[in-house]
Amino acid sequence: MKTPSSRAIVDLDAYAANLRVVRGMVPANCAIIAVVKANAYGHGAVPIARRALHEGVAMLGVADVSEAVELRDAGITAPILVMVQPSEDALPAVVEYDLRLVLSSTELAERIGEIARRANKVVPVHCKIDTGMGRQGFSVEKAIEEILFLTRISHIDIEGVATHFPVAESAEDPFTAQQIRTFKQLLNQIDKEGIPYEMAHAANSGGIVNHPASAFDAVRPGLMTYGVWPSDVPSTNATLHPVLAWET
């Protein structure tokens, strides 16, 4: 008796179509940071990352340094943002592999600056602001003081300012609305202080769909690019395509 076969099929064309849905939902000048963490949600980080770049995304987002190193080892040279602040022992790889880093610690910023100085490199960093999630990030109360401190550290460059939404999948969520207001107020303070940065970003998939005001200079779509609608309200004008199929 022949053993039945079983296989998973990843449809890169569906992934590309979903990215185009994202593009149609954000302003024309808004960059896309394609989230490919956790092996691209199990779909295969390297082929997904390559297709995302082919579709014109500005940057790739991963959870940790090891995920970024996998992409670099596969020959991907595009900007990669490590979205979870790494442990100190992972910092040399950040410099070696030319990665961007989300930071919420002045101590770690000093350490990465020192490693970059010895390597004669500059590490772009994105300052994570805790607007209510309570997991990582500079507190809103101390953010200006701490970001100003970062501007005095050599060999790092403040490329971005970011926050994260934990419950943006709800269209009427007041918590996310308050996070957006808090983040906007902080960005205004940063501008008043004359602190230079290139991009502000906050919106995950739920933010893109449910909270258009959260599309700042860039968005970080993950779940929706793999074909999952990120909202408790059904879509009436956008169609996402499942990227993964299983045949047996």
C-alpha atoms as a PDB file:
ATOM      1  CA  MET A   1       0.000   0.000   0.000  1.00  0.00           C
ATOM      2  CA  LYS A   2       1.348   3.408  -0.945  1.00  0.00           C
ATOM      3  CA  THR A   3       1.849   5.802   1.960  1.00  0.00           C
ATOM      4  CA  PRO A   4      -0.340   8.920   1.560  1.00  0.00           C
ATOM      5  CA  SER A   5       1.618  12.128   1.001  1.00  0.00           C
ATOM      6  CA  SER A   6       1.127  15.382   2.872  1.00  0.00           C
ATOM      7  CA  ARG A   7       2.604  18.782   2.137  1.00  0.00           C
ATOM      8  CA  ALA A   8       2.365  22.433   3.070  1.00  0.00           C
ATOM      9  CA  ILE A   9       2.162  24.885   0.179  1.00  0.00           C
ATOM     10  CA  VAL A  10       3.232  28.521   0.583  1.00  0.00           C
ATOM     11  CA  ASP A  11       1.751  30.817  -2.048  1.00  0.00           C
ATOM     12  CA  LEU A  12       4.130  33.743  -2.501  1.00  0.00           C
ATOM     13  CA  ASP A  13       1.772  35.376  -4.991  1.00  0.00           C
ATOM     14  CA  ALA A  14      -0.907  35.447  -2.282  1.00  0.00           C
ATOM     15  CA  TYR A  15       1.583  37.042   0.092  1.00  0.00           C
ATOM     16  CA  ALA A  16       2.402  39.686  -2.504  1.00  0.00           C
ATOM     17  CA  ALA A  17      -1.306  40.358  -3.057  1.00  0.00           C
ATOM     18  CA  ASN A  18      -1.782  40.854   0.680  1.00  0.00           C
ATOM     19  CA  LEU A  19       1.089  43.321   0.755  1.00  0.00           C
ATOM     20  CA  ARG A  20      -0.666  45.258  -1.992  1.00  0.00           C
ATOM     21  CA  VAL A  21      -3.800  45.355   0.184  1.00  0.00           C
ATOM     22  CA  VAL A  22      -1.673  46.918   2.938  1.00  0.00           C
ATOM     23  CA  ARG A  23      -0.249  49.431   0.465  1.00  0.00           C
ATOM     24  CA  GLY A  24      -3.756  50.436  -0.538  1.00  0.00           C
ATOM     25  CA  MET A  25      -4.764  51.066   3.082  1.00  0.00           C
ATOM     26  CA  VAL A  26      -1.936  53.418   4.095  1.00  0.00           C
ATOM     27  CA  PRO A  27      -0.799  56.793   2.726  1.00  0.00           C
ATOM     28  CA  ALA A  28       1.358  56.715  -0.396  1.00  0.00           C
ATOM     29  CA  ASN A  29       4.394  58.074   1.468  1.00  0.00           C
ATOM     30  CA  CYS A  30       4.074  55.561   4.327  1.00  0.00           C
ATOM     31  CA  ALA A  31       6.821  52.906   4.336  1.00  0.00           C
ATOM     32  CA  ILE A  32       6.132  49.235   5.003  1.00  0.00           C
ATOM     33  CA  ILE A  33       8.198  47.219   7.468  1.00  0.00           C
ATOM     34  CA  ALA A  34       7.303  43.630   6.584  1.00  0.00           C
ATOM     35  CA  VAL A  35       7.242  41.492   9.719  1.00  0.00           C
ATOM     36  CA  VAL A  36       8.889  38.112   9.108  1.00  0.00           C
ATOM     37  CA  LYS A  37       9.476  37.093  12.718  1.00  0.00           C
ATOM     38  CA  ALA A  38       9.118  33.474  13.889  1.00  0.00           C
ATOM     39  CA  ASN A  39      10.205  32.102  10.505  1.00  0.00           C
ATOM     40  CA  ALA A  40       7.669  34.408   8.835  1.00  0.00           C
ATOM     41  CA  TYR A  41       4.916  33.024  11.076  1.00  0.00           C
ATOM     42  CA  GLY A  42       5.960  29.536  10.002  1.00  0.00           C
ATOM     43  CA  HIS A  43       5.839  30.291   6.266  1.00  0.00           C
ATOM     44  CA  GLY A  44       9.602  30.405   5.680  1.00  0.00           C
ATOM     45  CA  ALA A  45      11.464  33.602   6.481  1.00  0.00           C
ATOM     46  CA  VAL A  46      13.898  33.659   3.571  1.00  0.00           C
ATOM     47  CA  PRO A  47      11.488  33.227   0.623  1.00  0.00           C
ATOM     48  CA  ILE A  48       8.891  35.487   2.264  1.00  0.00           C
ATOM     49  CA  ALA A  49      11.516  38.173   2.926  1.00  0.00           C
ATOM     50  CA  ARG A  50      12.747  38.014  -0.647  1.00  0.00           C
ATOM     51  CA  ARG A  51       9.224  38.395  -2.024  1.00  0.00           C
ATOM     52  CA  ALA A  52       8.498  41.269   0.358  1.00  0.00           C
ATOM     53  CA  LEU A  53      11.575  43.106  -0.890  1.00  0.00           C
ATOM     54  CA  HIS A  54      10.613  42.374  -4.484  1.00  0.00           C
ATOM     55  CA  GLU A  55       7.275  44.059  -3.723  1.00  0.00           C
ATOM     56  CA  GLY A  56       9.067  47.172  -2.513  1.00  0.00           C
ATOM     57  CA  VAL A  57       8.934  47.063   1.289  1.00  0.00           C
ATOM     58  CA  ALA A  58      11.379  49.418   2.972  1.00  0.00           C
ATOM     59  CA  MET A  59      12.524  47.138   5.755  1.00  0.00           C
ATOM     60  CA  LEU A  60      12.127  43.693   7.303  1.00  0.00           C
ATOM     61  CA  GLY A  61      11.121  43.197  10.931  1.00  0.00           C
ATOM     62  CA  VAL A  62      12.264  40.240  13.048  1.00  0.00           C
ATOM     63  CA  ALA A  63      11.922  39.388  16.721  1.00  0.00           C
ATOM     64  CA  ASP A  64      15.531  38.610  17.613  1.00  0.00           C
ATOM     65  CA  VAL A  65      19.075  38.776  16.343  1.00  0.00           C
ATOM     66  CA  SER A  66      19.264  35.095  15.355  1.00  0.00           C
ATOM     67  CA  GLU A  67      16.348  35.578  12.946  1.00  0.00           C
ATOM     68  CA  ALA A  68      18.133  38.531  11.358  1.00  0.00           C
ATOM     69  CA  VAL A  69      21.389  36.577  11.028  1.00  0.00           C
ATOM     70  CA  GLU A  70      19.496  33.830   9.162  1.00  0.00           C
ATOM     71  CA  LEU A  71      18.356  36.395   6.598  1.00  0.00           C
ATOM     72  CA  ARG A  72      21.845  37.876   6.254  1.00  0.00           C
ATOM     73  CA  ASP A  73      23.360  34.401   5.803  1.00  0.00           C
ATOM     74  CA  ALA A  74      20.863  33.860   2.975  1.00  0.00           C
ATOM     75  CA  GLY A  75      22.285  36.886   1.178  1.00  0.00           C
ATOM     76  CA  ILE A  76      19.628  39.443   2.119  1.00  0.00           C
ATOM     77  CA  THR A  77      21.253  42.864   2.429  1.00  0.00           C
ATOM     78  CA  ALA A  78      18.148  45.020   2.968  1.00  0.00           C
ATOM     79  CA  PRO A  79      17.543  46.895   6.240  1.00  0.00           C
ATOM     80  CA  ILE A  80      16.474  44.538   9.052  1.00  0.00           C
ATOM     81  CA  LEU A  81      14.929  45.811  12.284  1.00  0.00           C
ATOM     82  CA  VAL A  82      15.263  43.661  15.420  1.00  0.00           C
ATOM     83  CA  MET A  83      12.017  44.562  17.161  1.00  0.00           C
ATOM     84  CA  VAL A  84      12.618  43.047  20.611  1.00  0.00           C
ATOM     85  CA  GLN A  85      15.502  44.539  22.576  1.00  0.00           C
ATOM     86  CA  PRO A  86      18.204  41.850  22.678  1.00  0.00           C
ATOM     87  CA  SER A  87      20.386  40.716  25.534  1.00  0.00           C
ATOM     88  CA  GLU A  88      23.846  42.227  25.811  1.00  0.00           C
ATOM     89  CA  ASP A  89      25.588  39.114  24.505  1.00  0.00           C
ATOM     90  CA  ALA A  90      23.758  39.480  21.169  1.00  0.00           C
ATOM     91  CA  LEU A  91      25.002  43.039  20.570  1.00  0.00           C
ATOM     92  CA  PRO A  92      28.248  42.164  18.738  1.00  0.00           C
ATOM     93  CA  ALA A  93      26.177  40.381  16.078  1.00  0.00           C
ATOM     94  CA  VAL A  94      24.003  43.488  15.691  1.00  0.00           C
ATOM     95  CA  VAL A  95      27.101  45.432  14.663  1.00  0.00           C
ATOM     96  CA  GLU A  96      28.685  42.634  12.630  1.00  0.00           C
ATOM     97  CA  TYR A  97      25.558  42.021  10.534  1.00  0.00           C
ATOM     98  CA  ASP A  98      24.584  45.700  10.125  1.00  0.00           C
ATOM     99  CA  LEU A  99      21.224  45.408  11.876  1.00  0.00           C
ATOM    100  CA  ARG A 100      18.837  48.047  13.140  1.00  0.00           C
ATOM    101  CA  LEU A 101      17.838  47.797  16.764  1.00  0.00           C
ATOM    102  CA  VAL A 102      14.760  48.710  18.805  1.00  0.00           C
ATOM    103  CA  LEU A 103      16.008  50.117  22.108  1.00  0.00           C
ATOM    104  CA  SER A 104      14.376  50.966  25.406  1.00  0.00           C
ATOM    105  CA  SER A 105      17.469  51.131  27.630  1.00  0.00           C
ATOM    106  CA  THR A 106      20.120  53.836  27.851  1.00  0.00           C
ATOM    107  CA  GLU A 107      22.541  51.288  29.315  1.00  0.00           C
ATOM    108  CA  LEU A 108      22.195  49.017  26.298  1.00  0.00           C
ATOM    109  CA  ALA A 109      22.489  52.044  24.016  1.00  0.00           C
ATOM    110  CA  GLU A 110      25.841  52.920  25.588  1.00  0.00           C
ATOM    111  CA  ARG A 111      27.019  49.340  25.179  1.00  0.00           C
ATOM    112  CA  ILE A 112      26.024  49.087  21.511  1.00  0.00           C
ATOM    113  CA  GLY A 113      27.623  52.486  20.879  1.00  0.00           C
ATOM    114  CA  GLU A 114      30.914  51.261  22.330  1.00  0.00           C
ATOM    115  CA  ILE A 115      30.875  48.061  20.248  1.00  0.00           C
ATOM    116  CA  ALA A 116      30.053  50.086  17.122  1.00  0.00           C
ATOM    117  CA  ARG A 117      32.864  52.560  17.894  1.00  0.00           C
ATOM    118  CA  ARG A 118      35.420  49.766  18.054  1.00  0.00           C
ATOM    119  CA  ALA A 119      34.141  48.413  14.731  1.00  0.00           C
ATOM    120  CA  ASN A 120      34.070  51.912  13.186  1.00  0.00           C
ATOM    121  CA  LYS A 121      30.376  51.536  12.353  1.00  0.00           C
ATOM    122  CA  VAL A 122      27.163  53.411  13.137  1.00  0.00           C
ATOM    123  CA  VAL A 123      24.137  51.433  14.349  1.00  0.00           C
ATOM    124  CA  PRO A 124      20.677  52.834  13.511  1.00  0.00           C
ATOM    125  CA  VAL A 125      18.363  52.542  16.512  1.00  0.00           C
ATOM    126  CA  HIS A 126      14.625  52.929  17.004  1.00  0.00           C
ATOM    127  CA  CYS A 127      13.514  54.258  20.384  1.00  0.00           C
ATOM    128  CA  LYS A 128      10.639  52.181  21.749  1.00  0.00           C
ATOM    129  CA  ILE A 129       8.087  54.218  23.708  1.00  0.00           C
ATOM    130  CA  ASP A 130       5.811  52.524  26.218  1.00  0.00           C
ATOM    131  CA  THR A 131       2.440  54.191  25.558  1.00  0.00           C
ATOM    132  CA  GLY A 132       0.551  51.763  27.774  1.00  0.00           C
ATOM    133  CA  MET A 133       1.472  48.183  26.922  1.00  0.00           C
ATOM    134  CA  GLY A 134       3.895  47.970  29.833  1.00  0.00           C
ATOM    135  CA  ARG A 135       6.281  45.396  28.335  1.00  0.00           C
ATOM    136  CA  GLN A 136       9.253  47.294  26.912  1.00  0.00           C
ATOM    137  CA  GLY A 137      10.012  50.881  26.107  1.00  0.00           C
ATOM    138  CA  PHE A 138      11.034  54.224  27.517  1.00  0.00           C
ATOM    139  CA  SER A 139       8.322  55.587  29.777  1.00  0.00           C
ATOM    140  CA  VAL A 140       6.428  58.541  28.365  1.00  0.00           C
ATOM    141  CA  GLU A 141       7.406  60.615  31.405  1.00  0.00           C
ATOM    142  CA  LYS A 142      11.156  60.075  30.905  1.00  0.00           C
ATOM    143  CA  ALA A 143      11.318  59.509  27.140  1.00  0.00           C
ATOM    144  CA  ILE A 144      12.513  62.994  26.163  1.00  0.00           C
ATOM    145  CA  GLU A 145      15.276  62.969  28.765  1.00  0.00           C
ATOM    146  CA  GLU A 146      16.438  59.496  27.766  1.00  0.00           C
ATOM    147  CA  ILE A 147      16.272  60.102  24.015  1.00  0.00           C
ATOM    148  CA  LEU A 148      18.304  63.278  24.484  1.00  0.00           C
ATOM    149  CA  PHE A 149      20.837  61.139  26.336  1.00  0.00           C
ATOM    150  CA  LEU A 150      20.966  58.785  23.348  1.00  0.00           C
ATOM    151  CA  THR A 151      21.808  61.690  21.013  1.00  0.00           C
ATOM    152  CA  ARG A 152      25.051  62.132  22.945  1.00  0.00           C
ATOM    153  CA  ILE A 153      26.204  58.529  22.401  1.00  0.00           C
ATOM    154  CA  SER A 154      28.603  58.259  19.483  1.00  0.00           C
ATOM    155  CA  HIS A 155      28.217  55.613  16.784  1.00  0.00           C
ATOM    156  CA  ILE A 156      24.473  55.207  17.141  1.00  0.00           C
ATOM    157  CA  ASP A 157      21.914  57.080  15.058  1.00  0.00           C
ATOM    158  CA  ILE A 158      18.297  57.587  16.123  1.00  0.00           C
ATOM    159  CA  GLU A 159      16.583  56.433  12.947  1.00  0.00           C
ATOM    160  CA  GLY A 160      13.127  55.796  14.375  1.00  0.00           C
ATOM    161  CA  VAL A 161      10.677  56.294  17.215  1.00  0.00           C
ATOM    162  CA  ALA A 162       8.156  53.516  17.750  1.00  0.00           C
ATOM    163  CA  THR A 163       5.429  52.127  19.958  1.00  0.00           C
ATOM    164  CA  HIS A 164       3.292  48.980  19.948  1.00  0.00           C
ATOM    165  CA  PHE A 165      -0.449  48.300  20.197  1.00  0.00           C
ATOM    166  CA  PRO A 166      -1.518  45.211  22.187  1.00  0.00           C
ATOM    167  CA  VAL A 167      -5.255  45.354  21.436  1.00  0.00           C
ATOM    168  CA  ALA A 168      -5.636  47.134  18.090  1.00  0.00           C
ATOM    169  CA  GLU A 169      -7.672  44.232  16.660  1.00  0.00           C
ATOM    170  CA  SER A 170     -10.757  45.829  18.196  1.00  0.00           C
ATOM    171  CA  ALA A 171     -12.131  48.580  15.975  1.00  0.00           C
ATOM    172  CA  GLU A 172     -13.702  50.547  18.821  1.00  0.00           C
ATOM    173  CA  ASP A 173     -10.887  50.047  21.332  1.00  0.00           C
ATOM    174  CA  PRO A 174     -10.411  53.215  23.436  1.00  0.00           C
ATOM    175  CA  PHE A 175      -7.052  51.990  24.784  1.00  0.00           C
ATOM    176  CA  THR A 176      -5.451  52.050  21.336  1.00  0.00           C
ATOM    177  CA  ALA A 177      -6.984  55.452  20.605  1.00  0.00           C
ATOM    178  CA  GLN A 178      -5.361  56.790  23.779  1.00  0.00           C
ATOM    179  CA  GLN A 179      -2.025  55.213  22.796  1.00  0.00           C
ATOM    180  CA  ILE A 180      -2.158  57.051  19.475  1.00  0.00           C
ATOM    181  CA  ARG A 181      -2.859  60.372  21.200  1.00  0.00           C
ATOM    182  CA  THR A 182      -0.018  59.794  23.670  1.00  0.00           C
ATOM    183  CA  PHE A 183       2.412  58.883  20.898  1.00  0.00           C
ATOM    184  CA  LYS A 184       1.480  61.958  18.840  1.00  0.00           C
ATOM    185  CA  GLN A 185       2.018  64.203  21.857  1.00  0.00           C
ATOM    186  CA  LEU A 186       5.439  62.687  22.452  1.00  0.00           C
ATOM    187  CA  LEU A 187       6.428  63.132  18.803  1.00  0.00           C
ATOM    188  CA  ASN A 188       5.464  66.792  19.082  1.00  0.00           C
ATOM    189  CA  GLN A 189       7.730  67.104  22.132  1.00  0.00           C
ATOM    190  CA  ILE A 190      10.584  65.424  20.269  1.00  0.00           C
ATOM    191  CA  ASP A 191      10.156  67.889  17.404  1.00  0.00           C
ATOM    192  CA  LYS A 192      10.146  70.831  19.829  1.00  0.00           C
ATOM    193  CA  GLU A 193      13.419  69.587  21.312  1.00  0.00           C
ATOM    194  CA  GLY A 194      14.902  69.435  17.826  1.00  0.00           C
ATOM    195  CA  ILE A 195      15.782  65.745  18.105  1.00  0.00           C
ATOM    196  CA  PRO A 196      16.317  64.396  14.573  1.00  0.00           C
ATOM    197  CA  TYR A 197      14.875  61.057  13.481  1.00  0.00           C
ATOM    198  CA  GLU A 198      13.707  59.632  10.173  1.00  0.00           C
ATOM    199  CA  MET A 199      10.555  57.673  10.886  1.00  0.00           C
ATOM    200  CA  ALA A 200       7.833  57.163  13.466  1.00  0.00           C
ATOM    201  CA  HIS A 201       5.934  53.877  13.405  1.00  0.00           C
ATOM    202  CA  ALA A 202       3.250  52.265  15.516  1.00  0.00           C
ATOM    203  CA  ALA A 203       0.643  50.368  13.491  1.00  0.00           C
ATOM    204  CA  ASN A 204       0.629  46.596  13.390  1.00  0.00           C
ATOM    205  CA  SER A 205      -1.975  44.798  11.253  1.00  0.00           C
ATOM    206  CA  GLY A 206      -4.808  45.710  13.614  1.00  0.00           C
ATOM    207  CA  GLY A 207      -3.710  49.322  13.669  1.00  0.00           C
ATOM    208  CA  ILE A 208      -3.602  49.504   9.874  1.00  0.00           C
ATOM    209  CA  VAL A 209      -7.148  48.193   9.539  1.00  0.00           C
ATOM    210  CA  ASN A 210      -8.871  49.710  12.565  1.00  0.00           C
ATOM    211  CA  HIS A 211      -6.946  52.880  13.392  1.00  0.00           C
ATOM    212  CA  PRO A 212      -5.885  54.783  10.246  1.00  0.00           C
ATOM    213  CA  ALA A 213      -4.515  57.638  12.365  1.00  0.00           C
ATOM    214  CA  SER A 214      -1.758  55.302  13.523  1.00  0.00           C
ATOM    215  CA  ALA A 215      -0.117  55.157  10.074  1.00  0.00           C
ATOM    216  CA  PHE A 216       2.728  57.556  10.731  1.00  0.00           C
ATOM    217  CA  ASP A 217       5.863  57.309   8.581  1.00  0.00           C
ATOM    218  CA  ALA A 218       5.817  53.495   8.483  1.00  0.00           C
ATOM    219  CA  VAL A 219       3.620  50.531   9.409  1.00  0.00           C
ATOM    220  CA  ARG A 220       4.556  47.023  10.564  1.00  0.00           C
ATOM    221  CA  PRO A 221       2.089  44.536   9.046  1.00  0.00           C
ATOM    222  CA  GLY A 222       2.444  40.925  10.085  1.00  0.00           C
ATOM    223  CA  LEU A 223      -0.657  38.779  10.470  1.00  0.00           C
ATOM    224  CA  MET A 224      -2.632  40.323   7.626  1.00  0.00           C
ATOM    225  CA  THR A 225       0.156  39.757   5.118  1.00  0.00           C
ATOM    226  CA  TYR A 226      -0.269  36.025   5.691  1.00  0.00           C
ATOM    227  CA  GLY A 227      -3.984  36.173   4.953  1.00  0.00           C
ATOM    228  CA  VAL A 228      -5.590  36.635   8.374  1.00  0.00           C
ATOM    229  CA  TRP A 229      -7.984  39.566   8.768  1.00  0.00           C
ATOM    230  CA  PRO A 230      -6.824  41.385  11.946  1.00  0.00           C
ATOM    231  CA  SER A 231     -10.107  42.774  13.195  1.00  0.00           C
ATOM    232  CA  ASP A 232     -13.265  41.804  15.019  1.00  0.00           C
ATOM    233  CA  VAL A 233     -15.179  43.639  12.263  1.00  0.00           C
ATOM    234  CA  PRO A 234     -15.388  41.758   8.929  1.00  0.00           C
ATOM    235  CA  SER A 235     -13.889  43.403   5.867  1.00  0.00           C
ATOM    236  CA  THR A 236     -16.297  44.936   3.391  1.00  0.00           C
ATOM    237  CA  ASN A 237     -13.833  46.225   0.778  1.00  0.00           C
ATOM    238  CA  ALA A 238     -10.545  44.318   1.156  1.00  0.00           C
ATOM    239  CA  THR A 239      -9.783  40.695   0.411  1.00  0.00           C
ATOM    240  CA  LEU A 240      -6.841  38.872   1.951  1.00  0.00           C
ATOM    241  CA  HIS A 241      -5.594  35.594   0.503  1.00  0.00           C
ATOM    242  CA  PRO A 242      -4.418  32.665   2.669  1.00  0.00           C
ATOM    243  CA  VAL A 243      -0.705  32.173   2.070  1.00  0.00           C
ATOM    244  CA  LEU A 244      -0.516  28.662   3.504  1.00  0.00           C
ATOM    245  CA  ALA A 245      -2.387  25.586   2.263  1.00  0.00           C
ATOM    246  CA  TRP A 246      -2.076  21.986   3.447  1.00  0.00           C
ATOM    247  CA  GLU A 247      -2.624  19.076   1.098  1.00  0.00           C
ATOM    248  CA  THR A 248      -2.895  15.455   2.113  1.00  0.00           C
END
